[in-house]
C-alpha atoms as a PDB file:
ATOM      1  CA  UNK A   1      22.875 -42.405 -39.783  1.00  0.00           C
ATOM      2  CA  UNK A   2      25.114 -40.509 -37.401  1.00  0.00           C
ATOM      3  CA  UNK A   3      27.297 -37.844 -38.994  1.00  0.00           C
ATOM      4  CA  UNK A   4      31.067 -37.971 -38.784  1.00  0.00           C
ATOM      5  CA  UNK A   5      32.048 -34.598 -37.357  1.00  0.00           C
ATOM      6  CA  UNK A   6      35.458 -33.050 -36.816  1.00  0.00           C
ATOM      7  CA  UNK A   7      35.598 -30.584 -33.939  1.00  0.00           C
ATOM      8  CA  UNK A   8      38.400 -28.045 -34.398  1.00  0.00           C
ATOM      9  CA  UNK A   9      39.754 -25.956 -31.547  1.00  0.00           C
ATOM     10  CA  UNK A  10      41.456 -22.957 -33.169  1.00  0.00           C
ATOM     11  CA  UNK A  11      44.251 -20.916 -31.607  1.00  0.00           C
ATOM     12  CA  UNK A  12      46.714 -18.483 -33.144  1.00  0.00           C
ATOM     13  CA  UNK A  13      49.359 -21.155 -33.738  1.00  0.00           C
ATOM     14  CA  UNK A  14      47.600 -24.531 -33.614  1.00  0.00           C
ATOM     15  CA  UNK A  15      44.567 -26.431 -34.845  1.00  0.00           C
ATOM     16  CA  UNK A  16      43.506 -29.260 -32.535  1.00  0.00           C
ATOM     17  CA  UNK A  17      41.042 -31.648 -34.155  1.00  0.00           C
ATOM     18  CA  UNK A  18      38.873 -34.472 -32.848  1.00  0.00           C
ATOM     19  CA  UNK A  19      36.671 -36.700 -34.997  1.00  0.00           C
ATOM     20  CA  UNK A  20      33.494 -38.081 -33.468  1.00  0.00           C
ATOM     21  CA  UNK A  21      32.452 -40.798 -33.220  1.00  0.00           C
ATOM     22  CA  UNK A  22      35.691 -42.579 -32.472  1.00  0.00           C
ATOM     23  CA  UNK A  23      37.705 -39.808 -30.798  1.00  0.00           C
ATOM     24  CA  UNK A  24      40.499 -39.625 -33.358  1.00  0.00           C
ATOM     25  CA  UNK A  25      42.778 -36.733 -32.408  1.00  0.00           C
ATOM     26  CA  UNK A  26      45.303 -34.759 -34.442  1.00  0.00           C
ATOM     27  CA  UNK A  27      47.053 -31.404 -34.233  1.00  0.00           C
ATOM     28  CA  UNK A  28      48.216 -29.106 -37.031  1.00  0.00           C
ATOM     29  CA  UNK A  29      49.850 -25.717 -37.494  1.00  0.00           C
ATOM     30  CA  UNK A  30      47.449 -22.846 -38.100  1.00  0.00           C
ATOM     31  CA  UNK A  31      48.794 -21.924 -41.530  1.00  0.00           C
ATOM     32  CA  UNK A  32      48.053 -22.820 -45.150  1.00  0.00           C
ATOM     33  CA  UNK A  33      49.997 -26.103 -44.950  1.00  0.00           C
ATOM     34  CA  UNK A  34      48.344 -27.051 -41.658  1.00  0.00           C
ATOM     35  CA  UNK A  35      44.856 -26.331 -43.017  1.00  0.00           C
ATOM     36  CA  UNK A  36      45.591 -28.529 -46.041  1.00  0.00           C
ATOM     37  CA  UNK A  37      46.709 -31.353 -43.706  1.00  0.00           C
ATOM     38  CA  UNK A  38      43.566 -30.884 -41.605  1.00  0.00           C
ATOM     39  CA  UNK A  39      41.451 -31.170 -44.764  1.00  0.00           C
ATOM     40  CA  UNK A  40      43.283 -34.383 -45.719  1.00  0.00           C
ATOM     41  CA  UNK A  41      42.690 -35.721 -42.179  1.00  0.00           C
ATOM     42  CA  UNK A  42      38.963 -34.998 -42.582  1.00  0.00           C
ATOM     43  CA  UNK A  43      38.804 -36.677 -46.002  1.00  0.00           C
ATOM     44  CA  UNK A  44      40.680 -39.723 -44.681  1.00  0.00           C
ATOM     45  CA  UNK A  45      37.976 -40.282 -42.076  1.00  0.00           C
ATOM     46  CA  UNK A  46      35.023 -39.337 -44.321  1.00  0.00           C
ATOM     47  CA  UNK A  47      34.115 -36.282 -42.232  1.00  0.00           C
ATOM     48  CA  UNK A  48      30.799 -34.739 -43.269  1.00  0.00           C
ATOM     49  CA  UNK A  49      31.155 -31.524 -41.251  1.00  0.00           C
ATOM     50  CA  UNK A  50      34.007 -29.637 -39.589  1.00  0.00           C
ATOM     51  CA  UNK A  51      32.921 -27.406 -36.702  1.00  0.00           C
ATOM     52  CA  UNK A  52      34.764 -24.601 -34.937  1.00  0.00           C
ATOM     53  CA  UNK A  53      33.907 -21.800 -32.536  1.00  0.00           C
ATOM     54  CA  UNK A  54      33.380 -18.270 -33.854  1.00  0.00           C
ATOM     55  CA  UNK A  55      35.771 -16.436 -31.576  1.00  0.00           C
ATOM     56  CA  UNK A  56      38.830 -14.232 -31.819  1.00  0.00           C
ATOM     57  CA  UNK A  57      38.977 -14.106 -35.615  1.00  0.00           C
ATOM     58  CA  UNK A  58      41.595 -16.855 -35.903  1.00  0.00           C
ATOM     59  CA  UNK A  59      38.910 -19.224 -37.175  1.00  0.00           C
ATOM     60  CA  UNK A  60      38.262 -17.210 -40.355  1.00  0.00           C
ATOM     61  CA  UNK A  61      41.226 -18.503 -42.319  1.00  0.00           C
ATOM     62  CA  UNK A  62      40.522 -22.095 -41.278  1.00  0.00           C
ATOM     63  CA  UNK A  63      36.836 -21.793 -42.126  1.00  0.00           C
ATOM     64  CA  UNK A  64      37.491 -20.419 -45.618  1.00  0.00           C
ATOM     65  CA  UNK A  65      40.436 -22.760 -46.214  1.00  0.00           C
ATOM     66  CA  UNK A  66      38.472 -25.909 -45.395  1.00  0.00           C
ATOM     67  CA  UNK A  67      35.550 -24.856 -47.591  1.00  0.00           C
ATOM     68  CA  UNK A  68      38.004 -24.283 -50.452  1.00  0.00           C
ATOM     69  CA  UNK A  69      39.352 -27.796 -49.834  1.00  0.00           C
ATOM     70  CA  UNK A  70      35.825 -29.165 -50.208  1.00  0.00           C
ATOM     71  CA  UNK A  71      35.135 -29.721 -46.496  1.00  0.00           C
ATOM     72  CA  UNK A  72      31.760 -28.423 -45.273  1.00  0.00           C
ATOM     73  CA  UNK A  73      32.162 -26.226 -42.185  1.00  0.00           C
ATOM     74  CA  UNK A  74      30.014 -24.755 -39.454  1.00  0.00           C
ATOM     75  CA  UNK A  75      30.642 -22.004 -36.913  1.00  0.00           C
ATOM     76  CA  UNK A  76      29.143 -22.182 -33.443  1.00  0.00           C
ATOM     77  CA  UNK A  77      28.834 -20.005 -30.365  1.00  0.00           C
ATOM     78  CA  UNK A  78      31.697 -20.623 -27.889  1.00  0.00           C
ATOM     79  CA  UNK A  79      29.490 -19.822 -24.898  1.00  0.00           C
ATOM     80  CA  UNK A  80      27.022 -22.512 -25.924  1.00  0.00           C
ATOM     81  CA  UNK A  81      29.847 -25.034 -26.276  1.00  0.00           C
ATOM     82  CA  UNK A  82      31.232 -24.166 -22.838  1.00  0.00           C
ATOM     83  CA  UNK A  83      27.840 -24.512 -21.183  1.00  0.00           C
ATOM     84  CA  UNK A  84      27.286 -27.828 -22.930  1.00  0.00           C
ATOM     85  CA  UNK A  85      30.615 -29.043 -21.531  1.00  0.00           C
ATOM     86  CA  UNK A  86      29.632 -27.993 -18.004  1.00  0.00           C
ATOM     87  CA  UNK A  87      26.232 -29.669 -18.394  1.00  0.00           C
ATOM     88  CA  UNK A  88      28.045 -32.876 -19.382  1.00  0.00           C
ATOM     89  CA  UNK A  89      30.262 -32.599 -16.296  1.00  0.00           C
ATOM     90  CA  UNK A  90      33.373 -31.705 -18.300  1.00  0.00           C
ATOM     91  CA  UNK A  91      35.007 -29.037 -16.146  1.00  0.00           C
ATOM     92  CA  UNK A  92      38.553 -29.487 -17.479  1.00  0.00           C
ATOM     93  CA  UNK A  93      39.593 -27.253 -20.359  1.00  0.00           C
ATOM     94  CA  UNK A  94      42.447 -28.030 -22.737  1.00  0.00           C
ATOM     95  CA  UNK A  95      42.712 -27.654 -26.507  1.00  0.00           C
ATOM     96  CA  UNK A  96      42.348 -31.425 -26.952  1.00  0.00           C
ATOM     97  CA  UNK A  97      39.317 -31.605 -24.675  1.00  0.00           C
ATOM     98  CA  UNK A  98      37.760 -28.551 -26.326  1.00  0.00           C
ATOM     99  CA  UNK A  99      37.993 -30.105 -29.791  1.00  0.00           C
ATOM    100  CA  UNK A 100      36.188 -33.203 -28.505  1.00  0.00           C
ATOM    101  CA  UNK A 101      33.496 -31.117 -26.801  1.00  0.00           C
ATOM    102  CA  UNK A 102      32.922 -29.095 -29.997  1.00  0.00           C
ATOM    103  CA  UNK A 103      32.369 -32.309 -31.986  1.00  0.00           C
ATOM    104  CA  UNK A 104      30.016 -33.753 -29.360  1.00  0.00           C
ATOM    105  CA  UNK A 105      28.095 -30.459 -29.150  1.00  0.00           C
ATOM    106  CA  UNK A 106      27.695 -30.424 -32.939  1.00  0.00           C
ATOM    107  CA  UNK A 107      26.221 -33.942 -32.787  1.00  0.00           C
ATOM    108  CA  UNK A 108      23.859 -32.988 -29.973  1.00  0.00           C
ATOM    109  CA  UNK A 109      22.643 -29.863 -31.805  1.00  0.00           C
ATOM    110  CA  UNK A 110      22.642 -31.546 -35.226  1.00  0.00           C
ATOM    111  CA  UNK A 111      24.432 -28.486 -36.606  1.00  0.00           C
ATOM    112  CA  UNK A 112      24.176 -27.645 -40.285  1.00  0.00           C
ATOM    113  CA  UNK A 113      26.929 -26.117 -42.410  1.00  0.00           C
ATOM    114  CA  UNK A 114      27.463 -22.360 -42.271  1.00  0.00           C
ATOM    115  CA  UNK A 115      27.481 -21.079 -45.885  1.00  0.00           C
ATOM    116  CA  UNK A 116      30.767 -19.658 -47.126  1.00  0.00           C
ATOM    117  CA  UNK A 117      30.430 -15.902 -47.827  1.00  0.00           C
ATOM    118  CA  UNK A 118      31.160 -14.799 -51.368  1.00  0.00           C
ATOM    119  CA  UNK A 119      34.538 -13.227 -52.118  1.00  0.00           C
ATOM    120  CA  UNK A 120      32.810  -9.855 -52.473  1.00  0.00           C
ATOM    121  CA  UNK A 121      31.140 -10.250 -49.058  1.00  0.00           C
ATOM    122  CA  UNK A 122      34.455 -11.197 -47.443  1.00  0.00           C
ATOM    123  CA  UNK A 123      36.246  -8.232 -49.023  1.00  0.00           C
ATOM    124  CA  UNK A 124      33.494  -5.801 -48.038  1.00  0.00           C
ATOM    125  CA  UNK A 125      33.595  -7.004 -44.442  1.00  0.00           C
ATOM    126  CA  UNK A 126      37.389  -6.645 -44.354  1.00  0.00           C
ATOM    127  CA  UNK A 127      37.162  -3.088 -45.729  1.00  0.00           C
ATOM    128  CA  UNK A 128      34.439  -2.076 -43.266  1.00  0.00           C
ATOM    129  CA  UNK A 129      36.391  -3.590 -40.370  1.00  0.00           C
ATOM    130  CA  UNK A 130      39.522  -1.703 -41.401  1.00  0.00           C
ATOM    131  CA  UNK A 131      37.559   1.546 -41.775  1.00  0.00           C
ATOM    132  CA  UNK A 132      36.228   1.152 -38.246  1.00  0.00           C
ATOM    133  CA  UNK A 133      39.767   0.542 -36.946  1.00  0.00           C
ATOM    134  CA  UNK A 134      41.101   3.616 -38.747  1.00  0.00           C
ATOM    135  CA  UNK A 135      38.225   5.717 -37.408  1.00  0.00           C
ATOM    136  CA  UNK A 136      38.914   4.549 -33.853  1.00  0.00           C
ATOM    137  CA  UNK A 137      42.639   5.288 -34.260  1.00  0.00           C
ATOM    138  CA  UNK A 138      41.833   8.740 -35.624  1.00  0.00           C
ATOM    139  CA  UNK A 139      39.687   9.515 -32.569  1.00  0.00           C
ATOM    140  CA  UNK A 140      42.514   8.442 -30.248  1.00  0.00           C
ATOM    141  CA  UNK A 141      45.070  10.588 -32.081  1.00  0.00           C
ATOM    142  CA  UNK A 142      42.805  13.649 -31.945  1.00  0.00           C
ATOM    143  CA  UNK A 143      42.351  13.151 -28.205  1.00  0.00           C
ATOM    144  CA  UNK A 144      46.120  12.889 -27.735  1.00  0.00           C
ATOM    145  CA  UNK A 145      46.670  16.041 -29.772  1.00  0.00           C
ATOM    146  CA  UNK A 146      44.180  17.954 -27.647  1.00  0.00           C
ATOM    147  CA  UNK A 147      46.175  17.062 -24.514  1.00  0.00           C
ATOM    148  CA  UNK A 148      49.463  18.409 -25.978  1.00  0.00           C
ATOM    149  CA  UNK A 149      48.866  22.025 -24.987  1.00  0.00           C
ATOM    150  CA  UNK A 150      52.438  23.290 -25.028  1.00  0.00           C
ATOM    151  CA  UNK A 151      54.437  20.708 -26.944  1.00  0.00           C
ATOM    152  CA  UNK A 152      54.593  21.758 -30.581  1.00  0.00           C
ATOM    153  CA  UNK A 153      56.981  18.985 -31.579  1.00  0.00           C
ATOM    154  CA  UNK A 154      54.655  16.250 -30.328  1.00  0.00           C
ATOM    155  CA  UNK A 155      51.611  17.936 -31.877  1.00  0.00           C
ATOM    156  CA  UNK A 156      53.391  18.010 -35.233  1.00  0.00           C
ATOM    157  CA  UNK A 157      54.168  14.292 -34.924  1.00  0.00           C
ATOM    158  CA  UNK A 158      50.526  13.516 -34.147  1.00  0.00           C
ATOM    159  CA  UNK A 159      49.378  15.731 -37.028  1.00  0.00           C
ATOM    160  CA  UNK A 160      51.358  13.555 -39.443  1.00  0.00           C
ATOM    161  CA  UNK A 161      49.572  10.456 -38.161  1.00  0.00           C
ATOM    162  CA  UNK A 162      46.188  12.192 -38.379  1.00  0.00           C
ATOM    163  CA  UNK A 163      46.826  13.180 -42.012  1.00  0.00           C
ATOM    164  CA  UNK A 164      47.740   9.567 -42.850  1.00  0.00           C
ATOM    165  CA  UNK A 165      44.660   8.170 -41.093  1.00  0.00           C
ATOM    166  CA  UNK A 166      42.357  10.666 -42.818  1.00  0.00           C
ATOM    167  CA  UNK A 167      43.820   9.707 -46.193  1.00  0.00           C
ATOM    168  CA  UNK A 168      43.311   6.008 -45.464  1.00  0.00           C
ATOM    169  CA  UNK A 169      39.768   6.677 -44.253  1.00  0.00           C
ATOM    170  CA  UNK A 170      38.837   8.476 -47.480  1.00  0.00           C
ATOM    171  CA  UNK A 171      40.412   5.707 -49.570  1.00  0.00           C
ATOM    172  CA  UNK A 172      38.527   2.983 -47.681  1.00  0.00           C
ATOM    173  CA  UNK A 173      35.239   4.878 -47.924  1.00  0.00           C
ATOM    174  CA  UNK A 174      35.737   5.185 -51.677  1.00  0.00           C
ATOM    175  CA  UNK A 175      36.451   1.465 -52.111  1.00  0.00           C
ATOM    176  CA  UNK A 176      33.420   0.525 -50.014  1.00  0.00           C
ATOM    177  CA  UNK A 177      31.140   2.894 -51.944  1.00  0.00           C
ATOM    178  CA  UNK A 178      32.417   1.494 -55.256  1.00  0.00           C
ATOM    179  CA  UNK A 179      31.760  -2.095 -54.166  1.00  0.00           C
ATOM    180  CA  UNK A 180      28.202  -1.249 -53.138  1.00  0.00           C
ATOM    181  CA  UNK A 181      27.496   0.743 -56.314  1.00  0.00           C
ATOM    182  CA  UNK A 182      28.852  -2.053 -58.530  1.00  0.00           C
ATOM    183  CA  UNK A 183      26.516  -4.684 -57.074  1.00  0.00           C
ATOM    184  CA  UNK A 184      22.889  -4.186 -58.258  1.00  0.00           C
ATOM    185  CA  UNK A 185      21.308  -5.661 -55.118  1.00  0.00           C
ATOM    186  CA  UNK A 186      23.603  -3.825 -52.708  1.00  0.00           C
ATOM    187  CA  UNK A 187      23.026  -0.571 -54.606  1.00  0.00           C
ATOM    188  CA  UNK A 188      19.245  -1.068 -54.433  1.00  0.00           C
ATOM    189  CA  UNK A 189      19.379  -1.827 -50.702  1.00  0.00           C
ATOM    190  CA  UNK A 190      21.531   1.244 -50.091  1.00  0.00           C
ATOM    191  CA  UNK A 191      19.131   3.444 -52.050  1.00  0.00           C
ATOM    192  CA  UNK A 192      16.146   2.061 -50.155  1.00  0.00           C
ATOM    193  CA  UNK A 193      17.697   2.402 -46.695  1.00  0.00           C
ATOM    194  CA  UNK A 194      18.955   5.934 -47.296  1.00  0.00           C
ATOM    195  CA  UNK A 195      15.399   7.090 -47.910  1.00  0.00           C
ATOM    196  CA  UNK A 196      15.216   7.180 -44.103  1.00  0.00           C
ATOM    197  CA  UNK A 197      16.773  10.316 -42.650  1.00  0.00           C
ATOM    198  CA  UNK A 198      19.688   9.478 -40.389  1.00  0.00           C
ATOM    199  CA  UNK A 199      20.775   6.401 -42.334  1.00  0.00           C
ATOM    200  CA  UNK A 200      24.065   7.423 -43.961  1.00  0.00           C
ATOM    201  CA  UNK A 201      26.764   5.685 -45.976  1.00  0.00           C
ATOM    202  CA  UNK A 202      28.644   4.146 -43.067  1.00  0.00           C
ATOM    203  CA  UNK A 203      25.445   2.674 -41.648  1.00  0.00           C
ATOM    204  CA  UNK A 204      24.651   1.116 -45.014  1.00  0.00           C
ATOM    205  CA  UNK A 205      28.165  -0.325 -45.249  1.00  0.00           C
ATOM    206  CA  UNK A 206      27.985  -1.819 -41.747  1.00  0.00           C
ATOM    207  CA  UNK A 207      24.620  -3.433 -42.496  1.00  0.00           C
ATOM    208  CA  UNK A 208      25.900  -4.938 -45.750  1.00  0.00           C
ATOM    209  CA  UNK A 209      29.116  -6.201 -44.146  1.00  0.00           C
ATOM    210  CA  UNK A 210      28.003  -7.343 -40.709  1.00  0.00           C
ATOM    211  CA  UNK A 211      24.331  -8.247 -41.188  1.00  0.00           C
ATOM    212  CA  UNK A 212      24.109  -9.853 -44.661  1.00  0.00           C
ATOM    213  CA  UNK A 213      21.022 -11.834 -43.572  1.00  0.00           C
ATOM    214  CA  UNK A 214      18.924  -8.646 -43.510  1.00  0.00           C
ATOM    215  CA  UNK A 215      15.850  -8.986 -45.695  1.00  0.00           C
ATOM    216  CA  UNK A 216      16.072 -12.784 -45.800  1.00  0.00           C
ATOM    217  CA  UNK A 217      14.846 -13.641 -42.287  1.00  0.00           C
ATOM    218  CA  UNK A 218      11.911 -12.656 -40.078  1.00  0.00           C
ATOM    219  CA  UNK A 219      11.838  -9.493 -37.983  1.00  0.00           C
ATOM    220  CA  UNK A 220      12.214 -11.561 -34.824  1.00  0.00           C
ATOM    221  CA  UNK A 221      15.227 -13.407 -36.216  1.00  0.00           C
ATOM    222  CA  UNK A 222      16.997 -10.257 -37.416  1.00  0.00           C
ATOM    223  CA  UNK A 223      16.465  -8.605 -34.029  1.00  0.00           C
ATOM    224  CA  UNK A 224      17.996 -11.654 -32.335  1.00  0.00           C
ATOM    225  CA  UNK A 225      21.014 -11.579 -34.676  1.00  0.00           C
ATOM    226  CA  UNK A 226      21.644  -7.960 -33.675  1.00  0.00           C
ATOM    227  CA  UNK A 227      21.158  -8.696 -29.973  1.00  0.00           C
ATOM    228  CA  UNK A 228      18.026  -6.532 -29.790  1.00  0.00           C
ATOM    229  CA  UNK A 229      15.453  -9.247 -29.029  1.00  0.00           C
ATOM    230  CA  UNK A 230      14.180  -9.543 -25.428  1.00  0.00           C
ATOM    231  CA  UNK A 231      14.834 -12.932 -23.853  1.00  0.00           C
ATOM    232  CA  UNK A 232      12.016 -14.472 -21.812  1.00  0.00           C
ATOM    233  CA  UNK A 233      12.762 -14.855 -18.086  1.00  0.00           C
ATOM    234  CA  UNK A 234       9.571 -16.301 -16.621  1.00  0.00           C
ATOM    235  CA  UNK A 235       8.957 -19.104 -14.163  1.00  0.00           C
ATOM    236  CA  UNK A 236       5.548 -20.103 -12.860  1.00  0.00           C
ATOM    237  CA  UNK A 237       3.692 -16.915 -11.950  1.00  0.00           C
ATOM    238  CA  UNK A 238       6.878 -14.847 -11.945  1.00  0.00           C
ATOM    239  CA  UNK A 239       7.401 -12.544 -14.898  1.00  0.00           C
ATOM    240  CA  UNK A 240      11.001 -11.405 -14.821  1.00  0.00           C
ATOM    241  CA  UNK A 241      12.711  -8.646 -16.749  1.00  0.00           C
ATOM    242  CA  UNK A 242      13.439  -9.634 -20.322  1.00  0.00           C
ATOM    243  CA  UNK A 243      17.028  -8.668 -21.065  1.00  0.00           C
ATOM    244  CA  UNK A 244      18.810  -8.632 -24.413  1.00  0.00           C
ATOM    245  CA  UNK A 245      21.990 -10.648 -24.765  1.00  0.00           C
ATOM    246  CA  UNK A 246      24.522 -11.669 -27.363  1.00  0.00           C
ATOM    247  CA  UNK A 247      24.185 -10.669 -30.978  1.00  0.00           C
ATOM    248  CA  UNK A 248      26.469  -8.579 -33.171  1.00  0.00           C
ATOM    249  CA  UNK A 249      27.754  -5.715 -31.092  1.00  0.00           C
ATOM    250  CA  UNK A 250      28.992  -3.639 -34.032  1.00  0.00           C
ATOM    251  CA  UNK A 251      25.598  -3.544 -35.717  1.00  0.00           C
ATOM    252  CA  UNK A 252      23.834  -2.924 -32.427  1.00  0.00           C
ATOM    253  CA  UNK A 253      26.032   0.043 -31.497  1.00  0.00           C
ATOM    254  CA  UNK A 254      25.490   1.839 -34.799  1.00  0.00           C
ATOM    255  CA  UNK A 255      21.735   1.169 -34.682  1.00  0.00           C
ATOM    256  CA  UNK A 256      21.594   2.880 -31.279  1.00  0.00           C
ATOM    257  CA  UNK A 257      23.139   6.015 -32.785  1.00  0.00           C
ATOM    258  CA  UNK A 258      21.141   6.001 -36.012  1.00  0.00           C
ATOM    259  CA  UNK A 259      17.816   5.324 -34.260  1.00  0.00           C
ATOM    260  CA  UNK A 260      18.327   8.337 -31.993  1.00  0.00           C
ATOM    261  CA  UNK A 261      18.978  10.539 -35.041  1.00  0.00           C
ATOM    262  CA  UNK A 262      16.123   9.059 -37.087  1.00  0.00           C
ATOM    263  CA  UNK A 263      13.672   9.729 -34.231  1.00  0.00           C
ATOM    264  CA  UNK A 264      14.311  13.480 -34.673  1.00  0.00           C
ATOM    265  CA  UNK A 265      12.954  13.386 -38.223  1.00  0.00           C
ATOM    266  CA  UNK A 266      10.495  10.489 -38.229  1.00  0.00           C
ATOM    267  CA  UNK A 267       7.355  11.370 -36.290  1.00  0.00           C
ATOM    268  CA  UNK A 268       6.322   7.770 -35.686  1.00  0.00           C
ATOM    269  CA  UNK A 269       9.717   6.877 -34.209  1.00  0.00           C
ATOM    270  CA  UNK A 270       9.732  10.063 -32.120  1.00  0.00           C
ATOM    271  CA  UNK A 271       6.238   9.394 -30.795  1.00  0.00           C
ATOM    272  CA  UNK A 272       7.177   5.778 -30.032  1.00  0.00           C
ATOM    273  CA  UNK A 273      10.216   6.962 -28.016  1.00  0.00           C
ATOM    274  CA  UNK A 274       8.186   9.614 -26.148  1.00  0.00           C
ATOM    275  CA  UNK A 275       5.427   7.117 -25.324  1.00  0.00           C
ATOM    276  CA  UNK A 276       7.939   4.748 -23.742  1.00  0.00           C
ATOM    277  CA  UNK A 277       9.571   7.539 -21.751  1.00  0.00           C
ATOM    278  CA  UNK A 278       6.191   8.764 -20.457  1.00  0.00           C
ATOM    279  CA  UNK A 279       5.398   5.194 -19.397  1.00  0.00           C
ATOM    280  CA  UNK A 280       8.472   5.332 -17.137  1.00  0.00           C
ATOM    281  CA  UNK A 281      10.662   2.955 -19.107  1.00  0.00           C
ATOM    282  CA  UNK A 282      14.379   3.072 -18.384  1.00  0.00           C
ATOM    283  CA  UNK A 283      16.465   5.007 -20.900  1.00  0.00           C
ATOM    284  CA  UNK A 284      18.399   1.898 -21.953  1.00  0.00           C
ATOM    285  CA  UNK A 285      15.145   0.016 -22.523  1.00  0.00           C
ATOM    286  CA  UNK A 286      13.952   2.872 -24.728  1.00  0.00           C
ATOM    287  CA  UNK A 287      17.225   2.868 -26.695  1.00  0.00           C
ATOM    288  CA  UNK A 288      16.942  -0.871 -27.326  1.00  0.00           C
ATOM    289  CA  UNK A 289      13.283  -0.677 -28.324  1.00  0.00           C
ATOM    290  CA  UNK A 290      13.942   2.245 -30.676  1.00  0.00           C
ATOM    291  CA  UNK A 291      16.899   0.486 -32.320  1.00  0.00           C
ATOM    292  CA  UNK A 292      14.840  -2.686 -32.721  1.00  0.00           C
ATOM    293  CA  UNK A 293      11.985  -0.763 -34.342  1.00  0.00           C
ATOM    294  CA  UNK A 294      14.413   0.863 -36.779  1.00  0.00           C
ATOM    295  CA  UNK A 295      15.988  -2.499 -37.607  1.00  0.00           C
ATOM    296  CA  UNK A 296      12.575  -4.054 -38.259  1.00  0.00           C
ATOM    297  CA  UNK A 297      11.822  -1.260 -40.733  1.00  0.00           C
ATOM    298  CA  UNK A 298      15.167  -1.683 -42.451  1.00  0.00           C
ATOM    299  CA  UNK A 299      14.543  -5.435 -42.635  1.00  0.00           C
ATOM    300  CA  UNK A 300      11.138  -4.870 -44.243  1.00  0.00           C
ATOM    301  CA  UNK A 301      12.630  -2.459 -46.790  1.00  0.00           C
ATOM    302  CA  UNK A 302      15.392  -4.966 -47.557  1.00  0.00           C
ATOM    303  CA  UNK A 303      12.843  -7.757 -48.015  1.00  0.00           C
ATOM    304  CA  UNK A 304      10.936  -5.663 -50.559  1.00  0.00           C
ATOM    305  CA  UNK A 305      14.126  -4.667 -52.377  1.00  0.00           C
ATOM    306  CA  UNK A 306      15.364  -8.269 -52.567  1.00  0.00           C
ATOM    307  CA  UNK A 307      12.129  -9.334 -54.250  1.00  0.00           C
ATOM    308  CA  UNK A 308      13.445  -7.760 -57.476  1.00  0.00           C
ATOM    309  CA  UNK A 309      16.662  -9.807 -57.228  1.00  0.00           C
ATOM    310  CA  UNK A 310      15.510 -13.356 -56.378  1.00  0.00           C
ATOM    311  CA  UNK A 311      18.764 -14.966 -57.528  1.00  0.00           C
ATOM    312  CA  UNK A 312      21.105 -12.645 -55.592  1.00  0.00           C
ATOM    313  CA  UNK A 313      23.093 -13.993 -52.628  1.00  0.00           C
END
């Protein structure tokens, strides 16, 4: 039996919905009242799955809100949806058309629901995101201060901002550490990961917040989630370069840094890096391979640690 799917195109102000089959359209405000009306619209038409693109962050409130209203939801890759539309000959792009394409794509892919993260997982991710923003702002302010060679008044103004950002950074780090310590599984994972030199508190927090699947999927799958898996590019006798693409940029960027540090202390990682360099591999290829090897090890450690907590989510 064909599912009844509601495709939702999410923007800052509006939610455009299309139910397939049948092409029933509706539009709602992107606020609490609008989400409630969207949920009622889905219930009215016996929708089994609401689908939206994971882009921009505006979808988060809708995703959580619909789940809380009892509507199963799924997130999908916007690039895949766009390419599906082009493959179907749909070159026009409006919010109404996009909602229809999302629903049709979900049918074609037979998408399953994306599980709703726990409240703790949502809060941890929000804290880690805010810590990264504060850290980036702090770097910018320090750079601005360094350029104020002879303007004491402006330097004093920037110093006030730096003090505030440092205080917020320490507060956020404390809250994140407390959340991890209070959860038995998270604490065990943190302890296990930090046995590797170079893996510090912020790395642990980013892994918990942005890669919660770690330890629950295969090494190949976790590498793909982080955008560190090579993508085949062969045709006939041609063997093309295998690039990496997509994945979670935040996790990938920190793994690049941590892998380079870990290779200084871990002989096997250092020898692996040196072997690739001696073979003439490009530096970026070496960075990706080293980060992937580190991630595979972290995934294996997480898998072993999770074995003691089979009922944890």
